[in-house]
Amino acid sequence: MRKGPRHVRKAIVEELRRQAENGGSKLRVEASEDKVTINGSVNLDDLVMVVMDSVAGGP
């Protein structure tokens, strides 16, 4: 089942926050309803997987 843009947006922000909370990360994430500010390095492979799962209807 495909989910809408809000679901994808939420998944992206949650993944960025997860990465920011991981040990040793200097990543900082600030998100509002329609914008996100990211300072630091992001693991792009992990982020892409979350987006793909979200679009495909994964958890």
PDB file of N, CA and C in Angstrom:
ATOM      1  N   MET A   1       0.838  -1.177   0.000  1.00  0.00           N
ATOM      2  CA  MET A   1       0.000   0.000   0.000  1.00  0.00           C
ATOM      3  C   MET A   1       0.886   1.244   0.000  1.00  0.00           C
ATOM      4  N   ARG A   2       0.667   2.139  -0.909  1.00  0.00           N
ATOM      5  CA  ARG A   2       1.441   3.384  -0.996  1.00  0.00           C
ATOM      6  C   ARG A   2       0.911   4.382   0.016  1.00  0.00           C
ATOM      7  N   LYS A   3       1.828   5.141   0.547  1.00  0.00           N
ATOM      8  CA  LYS A   3       1.453   6.152   1.521  1.00  0.00           C
ATOM      9  C   LYS A   3       1.780   7.524   0.958  1.00  0.00           C
ATOM     10  N   GLY A   4       1.149   8.544   1.514  1.00  0.00           N
ATOM     11  CA  GLY A   4       1.272   9.893   0.990  1.00  0.00           C
ATOM     12  C   GLY A   4       2.555  10.596   1.381  1.00  0.00           C
ATOM     13  N   PRO A   5       2.713  11.824   0.872  1.00  0.00           N
ATOM     14  CA  PRO A   5       3.909  12.615   1.113  1.00  0.00           C
ATOM     15  C   PRO A   5       4.178  12.886   2.594  1.00  0.00           C
ATOM     16  N   ARG A   6       3.130  13.023   3.386  1.00  0.00           N
ATOM     17  CA  ARG A   6       3.345  13.267   4.820  1.00  0.00           C
ATOM     18  C   ARG A   6       4.040  12.091   5.484  1.00  0.00           C
ATOM     19  N   HIS A   7       3.679  10.893   5.058  1.00  0.00           N
ATOM     20  CA  HIS A   7       4.314   9.695   5.615  1.00  0.00           C
ATOM     21  C   HIS A   7       5.800   9.663   5.252  1.00  0.00           C
ATOM     22  N   VAL A   8       6.115   9.981   4.012  1.00  0.00           N
ATOM     23  CA  VAL A   8       7.509  10.001   3.556  1.00  0.00           C
ATOM     24  C   VAL A   8       8.280  11.089   4.299  1.00  0.00           C
ATOM     25  N   ARG A   9       7.681  12.251   4.407  1.00  0.00           N
ATOM     26  CA  ARG A   9       8.306  13.373   5.124  1.00  0.00           C
ATOM     27  C   ARG A   9       8.616  12.992   6.562  1.00  0.00           C
ATOM     28  N   LYS A  10       7.649  12.365   7.230  1.00  0.00           N
ATOM     29  CA  LYS A  10       7.834  11.937   8.618  1.00  0.00           C
ATOM     30  C   LYS A  10       8.963  10.905   8.722  1.00  0.00           C
ATOM     31  N   ALA A  11       9.003   9.963   7.793  1.00  0.00           N
ATOM     32  CA  ALA A  11      10.040   8.937   7.800  1.00  0.00           C
ATOM     33  C   ALA A  11      11.430   9.550   7.636  1.00  0.00           C
ATOM     34  N   ILE A  12      11.543  10.547   6.779  1.00  0.00           N
ATOM     35  CA  ILE A  12      12.831  11.213   6.558  1.00  0.00           C
ATOM     36  C   ILE A  12      13.292  11.907   7.838  1.00  0.00           C
ATOM     37  N   VAL A  13      12.411  12.673   8.444  1.00  0.00           N
ATOM     38  CA  VAL A  13      12.784  13.408   9.666  1.00  0.00           C
ATOM     39  C   VAL A  13      13.126  12.436  10.785  1.00  0.00           C
ATOM     40  N   GLU A  14      12.358  11.367  10.929  1.00  0.00           N
ATOM     41  CA  GLU A  14      12.650  10.375  11.971  1.00  0.00           C
ATOM     42  C   GLU A  14      14.014   9.726  11.751  1.00  0.00           C
ATOM     43  N   GLU A  15      14.345   9.423  10.503  1.00  0.00           N
ATOM     44  CA  GLU A  15      15.646   8.820  10.211  1.00  0.00           C
ATOM     45  C   GLU A  15      16.771   9.809  10.485  1.00  0.00           C
ATOM     46  N   LEU A  16      16.593  11.045  10.102  1.00  0.00           N
ATOM     47  CA  LEU A  16      17.623  12.052  10.381  1.00  0.00           C
ATOM     48  C   LEU A  16      17.822  12.211  11.886  1.00  0.00           C
ATOM     49  N   ARG A  17      16.734  12.225  12.644  1.00  0.00           N
ATOM     50  CA  ARG A  17      16.841  12.325  14.101  1.00  0.00           C
ATOM     51  C   ARG A  17      17.509  11.088  14.692  1.00  0.00           C
ATOM     52  N   ARG A  18      17.202   9.913  14.144  1.00  0.00           N
ATOM     53  CA  ARG A  18      17.833   8.681  14.612  1.00  0.00           C
ATOM     54  C   ARG A  18      19.338   8.760  14.404  1.00  0.00           C
ATOM     55  N   GLN A  19      19.736   9.218  13.217  1.00  0.00           N
ATOM     56  CA  GLN A  19      21.163   9.344  12.937  1.00  0.00           C
ATOM     57  C   GLN A  19      21.810  10.369  13.863  1.00  0.00           C
ATOM     58  N   ALA A  20      21.114  11.448  14.167  1.00  0.00           N
ATOM     59  CA  ALA A  20      21.655  12.483  15.052  1.00  0.00           C
ATOM     60  C   ALA A  20      21.844  11.953  16.466  1.00  0.00           C
ATOM     61  N   GLU A  21      20.985  11.032  16.886  1.00  0.00           N
ATOM     62  CA  GLU A  21      21.054  10.481  18.240  1.00  0.00           C
ATOM     63  C   GLU A  21      22.086   9.364  18.363  1.00  0.00           C
ATOM     64  N   ASN A  22      22.500   8.803  17.239  1.00  0.00           N
ATOM     65  CA  ASN A  22      23.488   7.720  17.279  1.00  0.00           C
ATOM     66  C   ASN A  22      24.794   8.210  17.886  1.00  0.00           C
ATOM     67  N   GLY A  23      25.459   7.334  18.578  1.00  0.00           N
ATOM     68  CA  GLY A  23      26.702   7.692  19.254  1.00  0.00           C
ATOM     69  C   GLY A  23      27.735   8.321  18.338  1.00  0.00           C
ATOM     70  N   GLY A  24      28.335   9.404  18.801  1.00  0.00           N
ATOM     71  CA  GLY A  24      29.420  10.041  18.080  1.00  0.00           C
ATOM     72  C   GLY A  24      29.011  10.946  16.932  1.00  0.00           C
ATOM     73  N   SER A  25      27.729  11.033  16.658  1.00  0.00           N
ATOM     74  CA  SER A  25      27.285  11.852  15.538  1.00  0.00           C
ATOM     75  C   SER A  25      27.272  13.328  15.912  1.00  0.00           C
ATOM     76  N   LYS A  26      27.770  14.155  15.000  1.00  0.00           N
ATOM     77  CA  LYS A  26      27.723  15.600  15.192  1.00  0.00           C
ATOM     78  C   LYS A  26      26.577  16.205  14.396  1.00  0.00           C
ATOM     79  N   LEU A  27      25.705  15.343  13.923  1.00  0.00           N
ATOM     80  CA  LEU A  27      24.563  15.774  13.127  1.00  0.00           C
ATOM     81  C   LEU A  27      23.530  16.458  14.026  1.00  0.00           C
ATOM     82  N   ARG A  28      23.039  17.595  13.557  1.00  0.00           N
ATOM     83  CA  ARG A  28      21.957  18.305  14.238  1.00  0.00           C
ATOM     84  C   ARG A  28      20.811  18.484  13.260  1.00  0.00           C
ATOM     85  N   VAL A  29      19.596  18.220  13.749  1.00  0.00           N
ATOM     86  CA  VAL A  29      18.408  18.300  12.900  1.00  0.00           C
ATOM     87  C   VAL A  29      17.356  19.144  13.603  1.00  0.00           C
ATOM     88  N   GLU A  30      16.849  20.132  12.894  1.00  0.00           N
ATOM     89  CA  GLU A  30      15.731  20.944  13.380  1.00  0.00           C
ATOM     90  C   GLU A  30      14.647  20.877  12.319  1.00  0.00           C
ATOM     91  N   ALA A  31      13.459  20.453  12.736  1.00  0.00           N
ATOM     92  CA  ALA A  31      12.377  20.290  11.766  1.00  0.00           C
ATOM     93  C   ALA A  31      11.131  21.043  12.220  1.00  0.00           C
ATOM     94  N   SER A  32      10.454  21.619  11.244  1.00  0.00           N
ATOM     95  CA  SER A  32       9.146  22.219  11.467  1.00  0.00           C
ATOM     96  C   SER A  32       8.165  21.495  10.550  1.00  0.00           C
ATOM     97  N   GLU A  33       6.983  22.028  10.426  1.00  0.00           N
ATOM     98  CA  GLU A  33       5.957  21.381   9.598  1.00  0.00           C
ATOM     99  C   GLU A  33       6.386  21.196   8.146  1.00  0.00           C
ATOM    100  N   ASP A  34       7.094  22.188   7.592  1.00  0.00           N
ATOM    101  CA  ASP A  34       7.411  22.110   6.164  1.00  0.00           C
ATOM    102  C   ASP A  34       8.876  22.357   5.819  1.00  0.00           C
ATOM    103  N   LYS A  35       9.729  22.442   6.849  1.00  0.00           N
ATOM    104  CA  LYS A  35      11.161  22.675   6.589  1.00  0.00           C
ATOM    105  C   LYS A  35      11.999  21.852   7.542  1.00  0.00           C
ATOM    106  N   VAL A  36      13.225  21.546   7.101  1.00  0.00           N
ATOM    107  CA  VAL A  36      14.178  20.850   7.966  1.00  0.00           C
ATOM    108  C   VAL A  36      15.550  21.492   7.760  1.00  0.00           C
ATOM    109  N   THR A  37      16.243  21.728   8.856  1.00  0.00           N
ATOM    110  CA  THR A  37      17.604  22.244   8.812  1.00  0.00           C
ATOM    111  C   THR A  37      18.520  21.134   9.301  1.00  0.00           C
ATOM    112  N   ILE A  38      19.511  20.801   8.484  1.00  0.00           N
ATOM    113  CA  ILE A  38      20.431  19.700   8.794  1.00  0.00           C
ATOM    114  C   ILE A  38      21.843  20.259   8.832  1.00  0.00           C
ATOM    115  N   ASN A  39      22.524  20.039   9.942  1.00  0.00           N
ATOM    116  CA  ASN A  39      23.920  20.436  10.071  1.00  0.00           C
ATOM    117  C   ASN A  39      24.719  19.190  10.428  1.00  0.00           C
ATOM    118  N   GLY A  40      25.610  18.774   9.536  1.00  0.00           N
ATOM    119  CA  GLY A  40      26.439  17.606   9.784  1.00  0.00           C
ATOM    120  C   GLY A  40      26.289  16.577   8.681  1.00  0.00           C
ATOM    121  N   SER A  41      26.993  15.480   8.868  1.00  0.00           N
ATOM    122  CA  SER A  41      26.996  14.405   7.871  1.00  0.00           C
ATOM    123  C   SER A  41      25.806  13.479   8.053  1.00  0.00           C
ATOM    124  N   VAL A  42      25.250  13.051   6.922  1.00  0.00           N
ATOM    125  CA  VAL A  42      24.110  12.137   6.905  1.00  0.00           C
ATOM    126  C   VAL A  42      24.529  10.871   6.175  1.00  0.00           C
ATOM    127  N   ASN A  43      24.162   9.711   6.733  1.00  0.00           N
ATOM    128  CA  ASN A  43      24.389   8.451   6.042  1.00  0.00           C
ATOM    129  C   ASN A  43      23.313   8.338   4.971  1.00  0.00           C
ATOM    130  N   LEU A  44      23.686   8.645   3.747  1.00  0.00           N
ATOM    131  CA  LEU A  44      22.737   8.712   2.649  1.00  0.00           C
ATOM    132  C   LEU A  44      22.121   7.350   2.333  1.00  0.00           C
ATOM    133  N   ASP A  45      22.897   6.276   2.432  1.00  0.00           N
ATOM    134  CA  ASP A  45      22.358   4.937   2.158  1.00  0.00           C
ATOM    135  C   ASP A  45      21.211   4.603   3.117  1.00  0.00           C
ATOM    136  N   ASP A  46      21.400   4.892   4.411  1.00  0.00           N
ATOM    137  CA  ASP A  46      20.338   4.629   5.386  1.00  0.00           C
ATOM    138  C   ASP A  46      19.107   5.478   5.102  1.00  0.00           C
ATOM    139  N   LEU A  47      19.327   6.737   4.749  1.00  0.00           N
ATOM    140  CA  LEU A  47      18.212   7.624   4.448  1.00  0.00           C
ATOM    141  C   LEU A  47      17.442   7.159   3.212  1.00  0.00           C
ATOM    142  N   VAL A  48      18.154   6.753   2.184  1.00  0.00           N
ATOM    143  CA  VAL A  48      17.508   6.260   0.958  1.00  0.00           C
ATOM    144  C   VAL A  48      16.681   5.012   1.250  1.00  0.00           C
ATOM    145  N   MET A  49      17.207   4.116   2.057  1.00  0.00           N
ATOM    146  CA  MET A  49      16.463   2.892   2.397  1.00  0.00           C
ATOM    147  C   MET A  49      15.161   3.220   3.119  1.00  0.00           C
ATOM    148  N   VAL A  50      15.209   4.181   4.030  1.00  0.00           N
ATOM    149  CA  VAL A  50      14.005   4.580   4.757  1.00  0.00           C
ATOM    150  C   VAL A  50      12.975   5.169   3.797  1.00  0.00           C
ATOM    151  N   VAL A  51      13.424   5.999   2.874  1.00  0.00           N
ATOM    152  CA  VAL A  51      12.504   6.599   1.903  1.00  0.00           C
ATOM    153  C   VAL A  51      11.901   5.523   1.009  1.00  0.00           C
ATOM    154  N   MET A  52      12.718   4.613   0.534  1.00  0.00           N
ATOM    155  CA  MET A  52      12.210   3.546  -0.338  1.00  0.00           C
ATOM    156  C   MET A  52      11.207   2.664   0.397  1.00  0.00           C
ATOM    157  N   ASP A  53      11.509   2.306   1.644  1.00  0.00           N
ATOM    158  CA  ASP A  53      10.572   1.511   2.438  1.00  0.00           C
ATOM    159  C   ASP A  53       9.270   2.263   2.659  1.00  0.00           C
ATOM    160  N   SER A  54       9.386   3.553   2.913  1.00  0.00           N
ATOM    161  CA  SER A  54       8.205   4.378   3.161  1.00  0.00           C
ATOM    162  C   SER A  54       7.306   4.442   1.923  1.00  0.00           C
ATOM    163  N   VAL A  55       7.911   4.646   0.769  1.00  0.00           N
ATOM    164  CA  VAL A  55       7.157   4.729  -0.477  1.00  0.00           C
ATOM    165  C   VAL A  55       6.535   3.378  -0.827  1.00  0.00           C
ATOM    166  N   ALA A  56       7.262   2.305  -0.532  1.00  0.00           N
ATOM    167  CA  ALA A  56       6.778   0.967  -0.855  1.00  0.00           C
ATOM    168  C   ALA A  56       5.737   0.469   0.148  1.00  0.00           C
ATOM    169  N   GLY A  57       5.564   1.208   1.239  1.00  0.00           N
ATOM    170  CA  GLY A  57       4.574   0.802   2.224  1.00  0.00           C
ATOM    171  C   GLY A  57       5.149  -0.020   3.352  1.00  0.00           C
ATOM    172  N   GLY A  58       6.469   0.016   3.503  1.00  0.00           N
ATOM    173  CA  GLY A  58       7.100  -0.721   4.597  1.00  0.00           C
ATOM    174  C   GLY A  58       6.824  -0.076   5.934  1.00  0.00           C
ATOM    175  N   PRO A  59       7.407  -0.661   6.998  1.00  0.00           N
ATOM    176  CA  PRO A  59       7.157  -0.144   8.348  1.00  0.00           C
ATOM    177  C   PRO A  59       7.653   1.268   8.546  1.00  0.00           C
TER     178      PRO A  59
END
